[in-house]
Amino acid sequence: MLDLPSLPFLDFAVDLSPLVLVAVLLFLSLLSFGFIFHLCFKTRKSQYLESFNSLWTVRLLLVSFIILWALNELLRLPFFRKKYYHTFFSTLTLTQQANLCRVHVVLSLGFLEPGCLVILLFLLNVSIKKKTPRGSWALALLMATCLPVFLLQFLFVFYQRFELHLPKFFIESSKVSGADGEMVLCSYPLMSTILFGAFVSIYCFYFMFCCWTVLSLVINKMLRSRIYCLSVTVLSTIALQIFFLGVSAFWPPENPAFSVLELVIFLSFFTCTAVGEGIFIIIPITDSLSVSRESFRLNSGEQTRPVQPLSNEESV
């Protein structure tokens, strides 16, 4: 086990980096919200955007999950909890702090991260459909795939009897630290990583199949490059996240090396969500608004070339 020396500058950088990245992701998500609602407003005035905007509820769902994931990450940050959270909740006991860590693990690995991945897969899959499914199908798929994972995570993290039969690193989601013993550091139980890894393994096979199907039908080079970027980013980041989640289970949370591992884990899924928002929300909406402006010029008699309505394929 590698034991890194505690360096004040390094510790501060590792503590501050997740806060900065959460702020960046929240800004990107709010920007995505603005793009989605702006497109909804423009849809009322342009027939060329109707088919593209049919998935606006699914895109809102994706952005909502990303925002919740970012806020949930604040629960595990000792720097944030010590400096800001304890200002408002100074009476939290060690047990209550440990329960916050359990909530973070269950929500993150059991619902929010699987949910983001499923919505990305849904948006990728419908991009080649001739008929756009309703947004309720995305919600149904989300519940069907994420609810079993969530329930299993909840069972292993909160059900105390497993502590009698499994080693601590399999089920331990927190550890008391600090000279005064008043700070609880969050960790990732190995069992939660195994459950999330099983979900990701099945997900990756179907995700690769969908990417291959889309690439076999898409001719546009720009759209193909977006699919390649999405597939490489999603597959590499979640594989990296699973690996470091497993490794982190063998380090005590007070070890500086564990903080570095947590940062890599966070950065992996941060990259996945940021690229997903860019490819499925910001870039295609920008393209669609450009088409809308071109159609307006056509209707004003400034263009003679016909403009075709956007298809689902152009939502990638």
Protein backbone atom coordinates (compact mmCIF):
# COMPACT_ATOMS: atom_id res chain seq x y z
CA MET A 1 0.00 0.00 0.00
CA LEU A 2 1.42 3.38 -1.04
CA ASP A 3 1.54 5.94 1.76
CA LEU A 4 1.89 9.45 0.37
CA PRO A 5 3.30 12.17 2.63
CA SER A 6 0.87 14.85 3.68
CA LEU A 7 1.72 18.09 1.86
CA PRO A 8 -0.37 21.18 2.75
CA PHE A 9 -0.38 22.52 -0.82
CA LEU A 10 -1.31 19.13 -2.30
CA ASP A 11 -4.01 18.57 0.32
CA PHE A 12 -5.51 22.00 -0.39
CA ALA A 13 -5.47 21.39 -4.16
CA VAL A 14 -7.12 17.98 -3.78
CA ASP A 15 -9.78 19.45 -1.47
CA LEU A 16 -10.48 22.48 -3.66
CA SER A 17 -10.48 20.78 -7.07
CA PRO A 18 -13.81 18.92 -6.62
CA LEU A 19 -15.50 22.14 -5.47
CA VAL A 20 -14.28 23.99 -8.55
CA LEU A 21 -15.31 21.14 -10.85
CA VAL A 22 -18.75 20.93 -9.22
CA ALA A 23 -19.18 24.66 -9.84
CA VAL A 24 -18.12 24.20 -13.48
CA LEU A 25 -20.54 21.30 -13.94
CA LEU A 26 -23.40 23.25 -12.34
CA PHE A 27 -22.68 26.19 -14.65
CA LEU A 28 -22.63 23.87 -17.68
CA SER A 29 -25.90 22.29 -16.55
CA LEU A 30 -27.59 25.67 -16.07
CA LEU A 31 -26.36 26.62 -19.53
CA SER A 32 -27.91 23.41 -20.85
CA PHE A 33 -31.20 24.28 -19.15
CA GLY A 34 -31.10 27.65 -20.87
CA PHE A 35 -30.46 26.04 -24.26
CA ILE A 36 -33.32 23.57 -23.80
CA PHE A 37 -35.91 26.18 -22.80
CA HIS A 38 -34.70 28.57 -25.48
CA LEU A 39 -35.22 25.81 -28.05
CA CYS A 40 -38.71 25.12 -26.65
CA PHE A 41 -39.57 28.78 -27.17
CA LYS A 42 -38.17 28.75 -30.71
CA THR A 43 -40.08 25.56 -31.56
CA ARG A 44 -43.37 27.43 -31.41
CA LYS A 45 -42.22 29.63 -34.28
CA SER A 46 -40.35 27.12 -36.46
CA GLN A 47 -41.67 23.89 -37.98
CA TYR A 48 -38.10 22.75 -38.65
CA LEU A 49 -37.43 22.21 -34.95
CA GLU A 50 -40.53 20.21 -34.01
CA SER A 51 -39.10 16.71 -34.49
CA PHE A 52 -35.79 17.61 -32.85
CA ASN A 53 -37.41 19.16 -29.78
CA SER A 54 -39.60 16.12 -29.10
CA LEU A 55 -36.95 14.82 -26.68
CA TRP A 56 -36.70 17.97 -24.58
CA THR A 57 -38.08 16.19 -21.49
CA VAL A 58 -35.38 13.51 -21.74
CA ARG A 59 -32.69 16.16 -22.04
CA LEU A 60 -34.10 17.94 -19.00
CA LEU A 61 -34.00 14.62 -17.14
CA LEU A 62 -30.33 14.16 -18.05
CA VAL A 63 -29.39 17.66 -16.86
CA SER A 64 -31.38 17.17 -13.64
CA PHE A 65 -29.55 13.91 -12.87
CA ILE A 66 -26.19 15.56 -13.51
CA ILE A 67 -27.02 18.45 -11.17
CA LEU A 68 -28.17 16.05 -8.44
CA TRP A 69 -25.01 13.99 -8.86
CA ALA A 70 -22.83 17.09 -8.53
CA LEU A 71 -24.66 18.23 -5.39
CA ASN A 72 -24.51 14.71 -3.95
CA GLU A 73 -20.72 14.75 -4.33
CA LEU A 74 -20.58 17.61 -1.85
CA LEU A 75 -21.76 15.23 0.89
CA ARG A 76 -18.51 13.27 0.83
CA LEU A 77 -16.09 16.23 0.76
CA PRO A 78 -14.62 16.70 4.26
CA PHE A 79 -13.30 20.14 3.28
CA PHE A 80 -16.79 21.30 2.32
CA ARG A 81 -18.52 19.69 5.29
CA LYS A 82 -16.00 21.08 7.78
CA LYS A 83 -15.97 24.62 6.38
CA TYR A 84 -19.60 25.09 5.26
CA TYR A 85 -21.86 22.20 6.20
CA HIS A 86 -21.03 22.21 9.91
CA THR A 87 -21.79 25.93 10.06
CA PHE A 88 -25.48 25.12 9.65
CA PHE A 89 -25.52 21.58 11.11
CA SER A 90 -22.98 21.74 13.92
CA THR A 91 -24.94 19.30 16.06
CA LEU A 92 -24.57 16.32 13.72
CA THR A 93 -23.44 13.23 15.59
CA LEU A 94 -20.91 10.75 14.25
CA THR A 95 -23.72 8.35 13.41
CA GLN A 96 -25.57 11.01 11.43
CA GLN A 97 -22.40 11.90 9.53
CA ALA A 98 -21.84 8.22 8.77
CA ASN A 99 -25.41 7.99 7.47
CA LEU A 100 -24.70 10.93 5.14
CA CYS A 101 -21.80 8.93 3.72
CA ARG A 102 -24.09 5.94 3.23
CA VAL A 103 -26.65 8.13 1.47
CA HIS A 104 -23.92 9.46 -0.80
CA VAL A 105 -22.78 5.97 -1.81
CA VAL A 106 -26.30 4.66 -2.43
CA LEU A 107 -27.40 7.69 -4.43
CA SER A 108 -24.18 7.98 -6.41
CA LEU A 109 -23.42 4.36 -7.32
CA GLY A 110 -26.99 3.09 -7.03
CA PHE A 111 -29.10 5.69 -8.80
CA LEU A 112 -27.58 8.92 -10.11
CA GLU A 113 -24.59 7.55 -12.02
CA PRO A 114 -26.49 4.56 -13.49
CA GLY A 115 -29.33 6.96 -14.33
CA CYS A 116 -27.05 9.34 -16.23
CA LEU A 117 -25.57 6.44 -18.19
CA VAL A 118 -29.01 5.02 -19.06
CA ILE A 119 -30.28 8.40 -20.31
CA LEU A 120 -27.17 8.83 -22.47
CA LEU A 121 -27.82 5.39 -23.93
CA PHE A 122 -31.47 6.24 -24.56
CA LEU A 123 -30.58 9.45 -26.41
CA LEU A 124 -28.00 7.59 -28.47
CA ASN A 125 -30.42 4.79 -29.34
CA VAL A 126 -33.33 7.03 -30.40
CA SER A 127 -31.07 9.07 -32.68
CA ILE A 128 -31.49 6.38 -35.37
CA LYS A 129 -35.19 5.74 -34.82
CA LYS A 130 -37.59 6.91 -37.52
CA LYS A 131 -40.28 7.54 -34.94
CA THR A 132 -39.30 9.37 -31.78
CA PRO A 133 -40.53 7.57 -28.64
CA ARG A 134 -42.22 9.46 -25.84
CA GLY A 135 -40.22 10.79 -22.95
CA SER A 136 -42.11 8.45 -20.63
CA TRP A 137 -40.25 5.53 -22.23
CA ALA A 138 -36.99 7.00 -20.95
CA LEU A 139 -38.42 7.22 -17.44
CA ALA A 140 -39.68 3.62 -17.63
CA LEU A 141 -36.28 2.40 -18.85
CA LEU A 142 -34.60 4.39 -16.09
CA MET A 143 -36.71 2.81 -13.36
CA ALA A 144 -36.41 -0.70 -14.80
CA THR A 145 -32.62 -0.60 -14.97
CA CYS A 146 -31.68 1.56 -11.98
CA LEU A 147 -34.19 0.46 -9.35
CA PRO A 148 -32.67 -3.05 -8.88
CA VAL A 149 -29.19 -1.53 -8.56
CA PHE A 150 -30.46 1.07 -6.09
CA LEU A 151 -32.20 -1.53 -3.92
CA LEU A 152 -29.13 -3.79 -3.83
CA GLN A 153 -26.89 -0.86 -2.93
CA PHE A 154 -29.30 0.21 -0.20
CA LEU A 155 -29.41 -3.35 1.18
CA PHE A 156 -25.65 -3.83 1.38
CA VAL A 157 -24.86 -0.33 2.67
CA PHE A 158 -27.61 0.07 5.29
CA TYR A 159 -28.31 -3.51 6.35
CA GLN A 160 -26.06 -3.91 9.38
CA ARG A 161 -26.10 -7.72 9.56
CA PHE A 162 -23.67 -7.95 6.64
CA GLU A 163 -21.01 -6.53 8.96
CA LEU A 164 -20.95 -9.87 10.79
CA HIS A 165 -20.15 -11.92 7.68
CA LEU A 166 -17.97 -9.70 5.46
CA PRO A 167 -14.64 -7.90 5.94
CA LYS A 168 -14.93 -4.22 6.76
CA PHE A 169 -13.67 -2.93 3.43
CA PHE A 170 -16.57 -4.74 1.72
CA ILE A 171 -19.27 -2.75 3.50
CA GLU A 172 -17.59 0.18 5.28
CA SER A 173 -18.68 3.53 3.81
CA SER A 174 -17.08 5.84 6.40
CA LYS A 175 -14.44 6.10 9.09
CA VAL A 176 -14.00 8.42 12.06
CA SER A 177 -10.92 10.61 11.73
CA GLY A 178 -9.31 13.72 13.16
CA ALA A 179 -7.50 14.42 16.41
CA ASP A 180 -10.77 15.17 18.19
CA GLY A 181 -12.63 12.28 16.56
CA GLU A 182 -15.42 14.55 15.34
CA MET A 183 -14.96 14.22 11.58
CA VAL A 184 -16.25 11.28 9.53
CA LEU A 185 -14.51 10.57 6.22
CA CYS A 186 -16.53 8.90 3.48
CA SER A 187 -15.30 5.92 1.47
CA TYR A 188 -16.59 3.52 -1.17
CA PRO A 189 -17.40 -0.02 0.02
CA LEU A 190 -15.98 -2.74 -2.22
CA MET A 191 -19.40 -4.42 -2.40
CA SER A 192 -20.93 -1.23 -3.81
CA THR A 193 -18.16 -1.10 -6.40
CA ILE A 194 -18.81 -4.73 -7.37
CA LEU A 195 -22.53 -4.06 -7.83
CA PHE A 196 -21.89 -0.91 -9.84
CA GLY A 197 -19.23 -2.74 -11.85
CA ALA A 198 -21.69 -5.52 -12.73
CA PHE A 199 -24.16 -2.92 -13.99
CA VAL A 200 -21.44 -1.14 -15.98
CA SER A 201 -20.26 -4.41 -17.57
CA ILE A 202 -23.70 -5.11 -19.01
CA TYR A 203 -24.13 -1.46 -19.93
CA CYS A 204 -20.86 -1.28 -21.86
CA PHE A 205 -21.75 -4.24 -24.09
CA TYR A 206 -25.08 -2.70 -25.09
CA PHE A 207 -23.57 0.78 -25.39
CA MET A 208 -20.91 -0.51 -27.80
CA PHE A 209 -23.60 -2.31 -29.82
CA CYS A 210 -25.66 0.90 -30.08
CA CYS A 211 -22.59 2.92 -31.09
CA TRP A 212 -21.74 0.38 -33.79
CA THR A 213 -25.35 0.48 -35.06
CA VAL A 214 -25.39 4.27 -35.20
CA LEU A 215 -22.01 4.43 -36.94
CA SER A 216 -23.16 1.92 -39.55
CA LEU A 217 -26.11 4.18 -40.46
CA VAL A 218 -24.62 7.66 -40.13
CA ILE A 219 -22.77 9.05 -43.17
CA ASN A 220 -22.11 12.60 -42.00
CA LYS A 221 -18.46 12.86 -40.90
CA MET A 222 -19.19 15.39 -38.18
CA LEU A 223 -21.86 13.19 -36.60
CA ARG A 224 -19.57 10.16 -36.82
CA SER A 225 -16.81 12.08 -35.04
CA ARG A 226 -19.25 12.97 -32.25
CA ILE A 227 -20.21 9.31 -31.84
CA TYR A 228 -16.55 8.29 -31.70
CA CYS A 229 -15.86 10.98 -29.11
CA LEU A 230 -18.87 9.93 -27.02
CA SER A 231 -18.06 6.21 -27.14
CA VAL A 232 -14.37 6.62 -26.30
CA THR A 233 -15.13 9.06 -23.48
CA VAL A 234 -17.92 7.04 -21.86
CA LEU A 235 -16.19 3.66 -22.08
CA SER A 236 -12.78 4.90 -20.94
CA THR A 237 -14.00 7.09 -18.07
CA ILE A 238 -16.32 4.56 -16.48
CA ALA A 239 -13.68 1.82 -16.83
CA LEU A 240 -11.19 4.13 -15.13
CA GLN A 241 -13.72 4.95 -12.43
CA ILE A 242 -14.48 1.29 -11.68
CA PHE A 243 -10.77 0.47 -11.43
CA PHE A 244 -10.00 3.25 -8.97
CA LEU A 245 -13.18 2.59 -6.98
CA GLY A 246 -11.93 -0.94 -6.42
CA VAL A 247 -8.43 0.22 -5.52
CA SER A 248 -9.73 2.85 -3.08
CA ALA A 249 -11.39 0.17 -0.94
CA PHE A 250 -7.94 -0.96 0.27
CA TRP A 251 -6.80 2.50 1.40
CA PRO A 252 -7.87 4.11 4.69
CA PRO A 253 -9.74 7.39 4.06
CA GLU A 254 -7.26 9.40 6.15
CA ASN A 255 -4.39 8.42 3.82
CA PRO A 256 -3.48 11.26 1.39
CA ALA A 257 -3.36 8.69 -1.42
CA PHE A 258 -7.05 8.01 -0.86
CA SER A 259 -7.88 11.68 -1.52
CA VAL A 260 -6.04 11.47 -4.84
CA LEU A 261 -7.97 8.32 -5.75
CA GLU A 262 -11.25 10.04 -4.89
CA LEU A 263 -10.32 12.97 -7.11
CA VAL A 264 -9.59 10.64 -10.04
CA ILE A 265 -12.90 8.83 -9.45
CA PHE A 266 -14.78 12.12 -9.42
CA LEU A 267 -12.92 13.48 -12.44
CA SER A 268 -13.73 10.33 -14.44
CA PHE A 269 -17.49 10.66 -14.16
CA PHE A 270 -17.28 14.45 -14.37
CA THR A 271 -15.69 14.07 -17.82
CA CYS A 272 -18.37 11.58 -18.87
CA THR A 273 -21.24 13.89 -17.89
CA ALA A 274 -19.66 17.04 -19.33
CA VAL A 275 -19.07 15.37 -22.71
CA GLY A 276 -22.59 13.92 -22.64
CA GLU A 277 -24.13 17.35 -22.06
CA GLY A 278 -22.03 18.83 -24.83
CA ILE A 279 -22.80 16.16 -27.43
CA PHE A 280 -26.49 15.59 -26.66
CA ILE A 281 -27.60 19.06 -25.59
CA ILE A 282 -25.38 22.07 -26.27
CA ILE A 283 -23.89 21.20 -29.69
CA PRO A 284 -27.05 19.78 -31.35
CA ILE A 285 -29.25 22.60 -30.04
CA THR A 286 -26.74 25.12 -31.39
CA ASP A 287 -26.88 23.33 -34.75
CA SER A 288 -30.68 23.30 -34.73
CA LEU A 289 -30.88 27.01 -33.97
CA SER A 290 -28.57 27.64 -36.93
CA VAL A 291 -30.99 25.69 -39.14
CA SER A 292 -33.85 27.73 -37.71
CA ARG A 293 -32.11 30.98 -38.63
CA GLU A 294 -31.45 29.65 -42.13
CA SER A 295 -35.12 28.73 -42.53
CA PHE A 296 -36.10 32.22 -41.40
CA ARG A 297 -33.92 33.74 -44.09
CA LEU A 298 -35.48 31.35 -46.61
CA ASN A 299 -38.97 32.41 -45.63
CA SER A 300 -37.88 36.04 -45.89
CA GLY A 301 -36.82 35.48 -49.50
CA GLU A 302 -33.09 35.77 -48.86
CA GLN A 303 -32.39 32.13 -49.78
CA THR A 304 -33.52 29.95 -52.64
CA ARG A 305 -32.18 26.65 -51.34
CA PRO A 306 -34.77 24.54 -49.41
CA VAL A 307 -34.08 23.73 -45.79
CA GLN A 308 -34.99 20.30 -44.47
CA PRO A 309 -36.42 19.77 -40.99
CA LEU A 310 -34.05 18.28 -38.44
CA SER A 311 -34.21 14.54 -37.91
CA ASN A 312 -33.44 12.52 -34.80
CA GLU A 313 -30.05 11.64 -36.24
CA GLU A 314 -28.98 15.26 -35.96
CA SER A 315 -29.68 15.23 -32.22
CA VAL A 316 -26.27 13.63 -31.66
